[in-house]
Amino acid sequence: MAKNLGVNPDKFASMLEDGRQGIRMNYYPPCEHADKVIGLTPHSDASGLTLLVQVNEVQGLQIKKNGKWIPIKPIPDALLVNIGDTIEV
């Protein structure tokens, strides 16, 4: 991944080697009353990478582009990789 980003792989590895590693799994099933619930507040992922598996047609992920939130259309059975704050910096 470092090579594809144009970063020296050694520098990239050293950036993450002393960090804590963890995994969290969440499942968000379709909601019958989506217009009556509040989702997560806007945030960025503080981790290095976030892996999202699209298991249904529920649309909820958004990205911020040019100051506006844009919904992302789910692709069934896709694996989406988000670069978190740690790598972005």
N, C-alpha and C. Protein backbone atom coordinates (compact mmCIF):
# COMPACT_ATOMS: atom_id res chain seq x y z
N MET A 1 0.82 -1.19 0.00
CA MET A 1 0.00 0.00 0.00
C MET A 1 0.87 1.25 0.00
N ALA A 2 1.97 1.20 0.73
CA ALA A 2 2.86 2.36 0.78
C ALA A 2 3.39 2.70 -0.61
N LYS A 3 3.81 1.68 -1.36
CA LYS A 3 4.34 1.92 -2.70
C LYS A 3 3.29 2.59 -3.59
N ASN A 4 2.05 2.14 -3.50
CA ASN A 4 0.98 2.73 -4.32
C ASN A 4 0.69 4.17 -3.92
N LEU A 5 0.96 4.53 -2.67
CA LEU A 5 0.77 5.89 -2.22
C LEU A 5 2.01 6.76 -2.44
N GLY A 6 3.08 6.15 -2.94
CA GLY A 6 4.31 6.89 -3.17
C GLY A 6 5.08 7.19 -1.89
N VAL A 7 4.92 6.34 -0.89
CA VAL A 7 5.57 6.53 0.41
C VAL A 7 6.60 5.41 0.60
N ASN A 8 7.73 5.73 1.21
CA ASN A 8 8.73 4.73 1.53
C ASN A 8 8.10 3.69 2.46
N PRO A 9 8.11 2.40 2.07
CA PRO A 9 7.48 1.35 2.91
C PRO A 9 8.01 1.30 4.34
N ASP A 10 9.31 1.57 4.54
CA ASP A 10 9.87 1.54 5.91
C ASP A 10 9.28 2.64 6.77
N LYS A 11 9.14 3.82 6.21
CA LYS A 11 8.55 4.94 6.95
C LYS A 11 7.09 4.64 7.29
N PHE A 12 6.41 4.06 6.34
CA PHE A 12 5.00 3.72 6.52
C PHE A 12 4.83 2.70 7.64
N ALA A 13 5.67 1.66 7.64
CA ALA A 13 5.60 0.62 8.67
C ALA A 13 5.93 1.18 10.04
N SER A 14 6.95 2.04 10.11
CA SER A 14 7.34 2.58 11.42
C SER A 14 6.26 3.49 11.99
N MET A 15 5.46 4.08 11.13
CA MET A 15 4.38 4.95 11.57
C MET A 15 3.31 4.17 12.36
N LEU A 16 3.19 2.89 12.07
CA LEU A 16 2.12 2.08 12.67
C LEU A 16 2.61 1.04 13.68
N GLU A 17 3.93 0.80 13.76
CA GLU A 17 4.41 -0.33 14.54
C GLU A 17 4.21 -0.20 16.04
N ASP A 18 4.22 0.99 16.58
CA ASP A 18 4.04 1.16 18.03
C ASP A 18 2.59 1.39 18.43
N GLY A 19 1.71 1.41 17.45
CA GLY A 19 0.31 1.67 17.72
C GLY A 19 -0.44 0.45 18.23
N ARG A 20 -1.57 0.70 18.78
CA ARG A 20 -2.42 -0.37 19.28
C ARG A 20 -3.28 -0.87 18.12
N GLN A 21 -3.47 -2.16 18.03
CA GLN A 21 -4.30 -2.73 16.99
C GLN A 21 -5.58 -3.26 17.61
N GLY A 22 -6.64 -3.16 16.86
CA GLY A 22 -7.90 -3.67 17.36
C GLY A 22 -8.85 -3.92 16.21
N ILE A 23 -9.91 -4.57 16.52
CA ILE A 23 -10.94 -4.85 15.53
C ILE A 23 -12.30 -4.64 16.17
N ARG A 24 -13.21 -4.07 15.43
CA ARG A 24 -14.57 -3.88 15.90
C ARG A 24 -15.49 -4.27 14.76
N MET A 25 -16.53 -5.00 15.06
CA MET A 25 -17.48 -5.39 14.04
C MET A 25 -18.86 -4.88 14.42
N ASN A 26 -19.50 -4.22 13.48
CA ASN A 26 -20.86 -3.74 13.68
C ASN A 26 -21.72 -4.21 12.52
N TYR A 27 -22.97 -4.45 12.81
CA TYR A 27 -23.94 -4.80 11.76
C TYR A 27 -25.12 -3.85 11.90
N TYR A 28 -25.43 -3.18 10.83
CA TYR A 28 -26.55 -2.25 10.83
C TYR A 28 -27.63 -2.78 9.90
N PRO A 29 -28.63 -3.47 10.43
CA PRO A 29 -29.68 -4.03 9.58
C PRO A 29 -30.58 -2.92 9.04
N PRO A 30 -31.31 -3.21 7.97
CA PRO A 30 -32.26 -2.22 7.44
C PRO A 30 -33.24 -1.80 8.54
N CYS A 31 -33.59 -0.54 8.56
CA CYS A 31 -34.50 0.00 9.56
C CYS A 31 -35.83 0.33 8.87
N GLU A 32 -36.90 -0.18 9.42
CA GLU A 32 -38.22 0.07 8.84
C GLU A 32 -38.63 1.53 8.94
N HIS A 33 -38.07 2.25 9.90
CA HIS A 33 -38.45 3.66 10.12
C HIS A 33 -37.21 4.55 10.05
N ALA A 34 -36.45 4.43 8.97
CA ALA A 34 -35.18 5.15 8.84
C ALA A 34 -35.36 6.67 8.94
N ASP A 35 -36.52 7.16 8.55
CA ASP A 35 -36.75 8.60 8.61
C ASP A 35 -37.02 9.09 10.04
N LYS A 36 -37.13 8.16 10.99
CA LYS A 36 -37.45 8.54 12.37
C LYS A 36 -36.29 8.27 13.34
N VAL A 37 -35.14 7.93 12.81
CA VAL A 37 -34.00 7.65 13.69
C VAL A 37 -32.83 8.55 13.31
N ILE A 38 -31.92 8.71 14.26
CA ILE A 38 -30.72 9.50 14.03
C ILE A 38 -29.55 8.53 13.94
N GLY A 39 -28.77 8.64 12.88
CA GLY A 39 -27.59 7.79 12.72
C GLY A 39 -26.42 8.34 13.50
N LEU A 40 -25.23 7.92 13.13
CA LEU A 40 -24.02 8.42 13.77
C LEU A 40 -23.81 9.88 13.40
N THR A 41 -23.21 10.62 14.30
CA THR A 41 -22.88 12.00 13.98
C THR A 41 -21.72 12.01 12.98
N PRO A 42 -21.59 13.05 12.19
CA PRO A 42 -20.48 13.11 11.23
C PRO A 42 -19.15 12.94 11.96
N HIS A 43 -18.27 12.12 11.39
CA HIS A 43 -16.98 11.85 12.02
C HIS A 43 -15.98 11.38 10.98
N SER A 44 -14.73 11.34 11.38
CA SER A 44 -13.70 10.70 10.57
C SER A 44 -13.23 9.49 11.36
N ASP A 45 -12.60 8.56 10.67
CA ASP A 45 -12.11 7.36 11.33
C ASP A 45 -10.69 7.61 11.82
N ALA A 46 -10.48 7.51 13.11
CA ALA A 46 -9.17 7.81 13.71
C ALA A 46 -8.16 6.70 13.45
N SER A 47 -8.61 5.57 12.97
CA SER A 47 -7.73 4.41 12.76
C SER A 47 -6.87 4.58 11.51
N GLY A 48 -6.09 3.53 11.22
CA GLY A 48 -5.32 3.52 9.98
C GLY A 48 -6.20 3.15 8.81
N LEU A 49 -6.93 2.06 8.95
CA LEU A 49 -7.83 1.60 7.89
C LEU A 49 -9.17 1.20 8.49
N THR A 50 -10.21 1.42 7.75
CA THR A 50 -11.53 0.93 8.11
C THR A 50 -12.03 0.09 6.95
N LEU A 51 -12.42 -1.14 7.23
CA LEU A 51 -12.96 -2.04 6.21
C LEU A 51 -14.46 -2.13 6.39
N LEU A 52 -15.19 -1.86 5.33
CA LEU A 52 -16.64 -1.93 5.36
C LEU A 52 -17.11 -2.98 4.37
N VAL A 53 -17.93 -3.90 4.84
CA VAL A 53 -18.48 -4.93 3.96
C VAL A 53 -19.95 -4.59 3.72
N GLN A 54 -20.30 -4.45 2.47
CA GLN A 54 -21.69 -4.15 2.10
C GLN A 54 -22.46 -5.45 2.00
N VAL A 55 -23.36 -5.69 2.94
CA VAL A 55 -24.11 -6.95 2.94
C VAL A 55 -25.57 -6.76 2.56
N ASN A 56 -25.98 -5.51 2.37
CA ASN A 56 -27.36 -5.26 1.98
C ASN A 56 -27.42 -3.93 1.22
N GLU A 57 -28.61 -3.51 0.86
CA GLU A 57 -28.78 -2.30 0.05
C GLU A 57 -28.98 -1.03 0.89
N VAL A 58 -28.74 -1.13 2.19
CA VAL A 58 -28.95 0.01 3.07
C VAL A 58 -27.93 1.10 2.74
N GLN A 59 -28.43 2.29 2.47
CA GLN A 59 -27.56 3.41 2.17
C GLN A 59 -27.38 4.23 3.45
N GLY A 60 -26.15 4.42 3.86
CA GLY A 60 -25.90 5.18 5.07
C GLY A 60 -24.56 5.87 5.05
N LEU A 61 -23.58 5.28 4.36
CA LEU A 61 -22.26 5.87 4.29
C LEU A 61 -22.28 7.14 3.45
N GLN A 62 -21.61 8.17 3.94
CA GLN A 62 -21.48 9.42 3.20
C GLN A 62 -20.03 9.88 3.28
N ILE A 63 -19.60 10.62 2.26
CA ILE A 63 -18.28 11.23 2.30
C ILE A 63 -18.47 12.74 2.21
N LYS A 64 -17.51 13.46 2.77
CA LYS A 64 -17.57 14.91 2.72
C LYS A 64 -16.67 15.38 1.59
N LYS A 65 -17.26 16.07 0.62
CA LYS A 65 -16.52 16.56 -0.53
C LYS A 65 -16.90 18.01 -0.77
N ASN A 66 -15.90 18.89 -0.81
CA ASN A 66 -16.14 20.32 -1.01
C ASN A 66 -17.15 20.88 -0.01
N GLY A 67 -17.06 20.41 1.24
CA GLY A 67 -17.92 20.92 2.30
C GLY A 67 -19.33 20.37 2.33
N LYS A 68 -19.64 19.41 1.45
CA LYS A 68 -20.99 18.83 1.41
C LYS A 68 -20.91 17.32 1.62
N TRP A 69 -21.91 16.78 2.33
CA TRP A 69 -22.00 15.34 2.55
C TRP A 69 -22.70 14.70 1.36
N ILE A 70 -22.05 13.68 0.79
CA ILE A 70 -22.57 13.00 -0.40
C ILE A 70 -22.81 11.53 -0.04
N PRO A 71 -24.04 11.01 -0.27
CA PRO A 71 -24.30 9.60 0.03
C PRO A 71 -23.57 8.69 -0.96
N ILE A 72 -23.13 7.55 -0.46
CA ILE A 72 -22.44 6.56 -1.28
C ILE A 72 -23.42 5.41 -1.55
N LYS A 73 -23.62 5.11 -2.81
CA LYS A 73 -24.53 4.03 -3.19
C LYS A 73 -23.85 2.68 -2.90
N PRO A 74 -24.49 1.82 -2.12
CA PRO A 74 -23.89 0.53 -1.79
C PRO A 74 -23.73 -0.35 -3.03
N ILE A 75 -22.63 -1.07 -3.08
CA ILE A 75 -22.40 -2.09 -4.10
C ILE A 75 -22.48 -3.43 -3.38
N PRO A 76 -23.45 -4.28 -3.73
CA PRO A 76 -23.63 -5.55 -3.01
C PRO A 76 -22.34 -6.37 -2.95
N ASP A 77 -22.07 -6.92 -1.78
CA ASP A 77 -20.92 -7.79 -1.51
C ASP A 77 -19.58 -7.11 -1.72
N ALA A 78 -19.54 -5.78 -1.73
CA ALA A 78 -18.28 -5.05 -1.91
C ALA A 78 -17.53 -4.94 -0.59
N LEU A 79 -16.22 -4.82 -0.69
CA LEU A 79 -15.37 -4.54 0.45
C LEU A 79 -14.82 -3.14 0.22
N LEU A 80 -15.20 -2.21 1.07
CA LEU A 80 -14.79 -0.83 0.94
C LEU A 80 -13.68 -0.55 1.94
N VAL A 81 -12.60 0.05 1.49
CA VAL A 81 -11.46 0.36 2.35
C VAL A 81 -11.35 1.88 2.49
N ASN A 82 -11.52 2.38 3.70
CA ASN A 82 -11.37 3.80 4.00
C ASN A 82 -10.02 4.02 4.66
N ILE A 83 -9.31 5.03 4.21
CA ILE A 83 -8.06 5.41 4.86
C ILE A 83 -8.43 6.32 6.02
N GLY A 84 -7.96 5.97 7.21
CA GLY A 84 -8.28 6.74 8.40
C GLY A 84 -7.33 7.89 8.63
N ASP A 85 -7.59 8.63 9.69
CA ASP A 85 -6.81 9.82 10.02
C ASP A 85 -5.33 9.53 10.18
N THR A 86 -4.96 8.37 10.73
CA THR A 86 -3.57 8.04 10.97
C THR A 86 -2.77 8.02 9.68
N ILE A 87 -3.31 7.46 8.63
CA ILE A 87 -2.61 7.39 7.36
C ILE A 87 -2.73 8.69 6.59
N GLU A 88 -3.87 9.36 6.70
CA GLU A 88 -4.07 10.60 5.97
C GLU A 88 -3.06 11.66 6.38
N VAL A 89 -2.75 11.73 7.68
CA VAL A 89 -1.80 12.72 8.17
C VAL A 89 -0.44 12.41 7.61
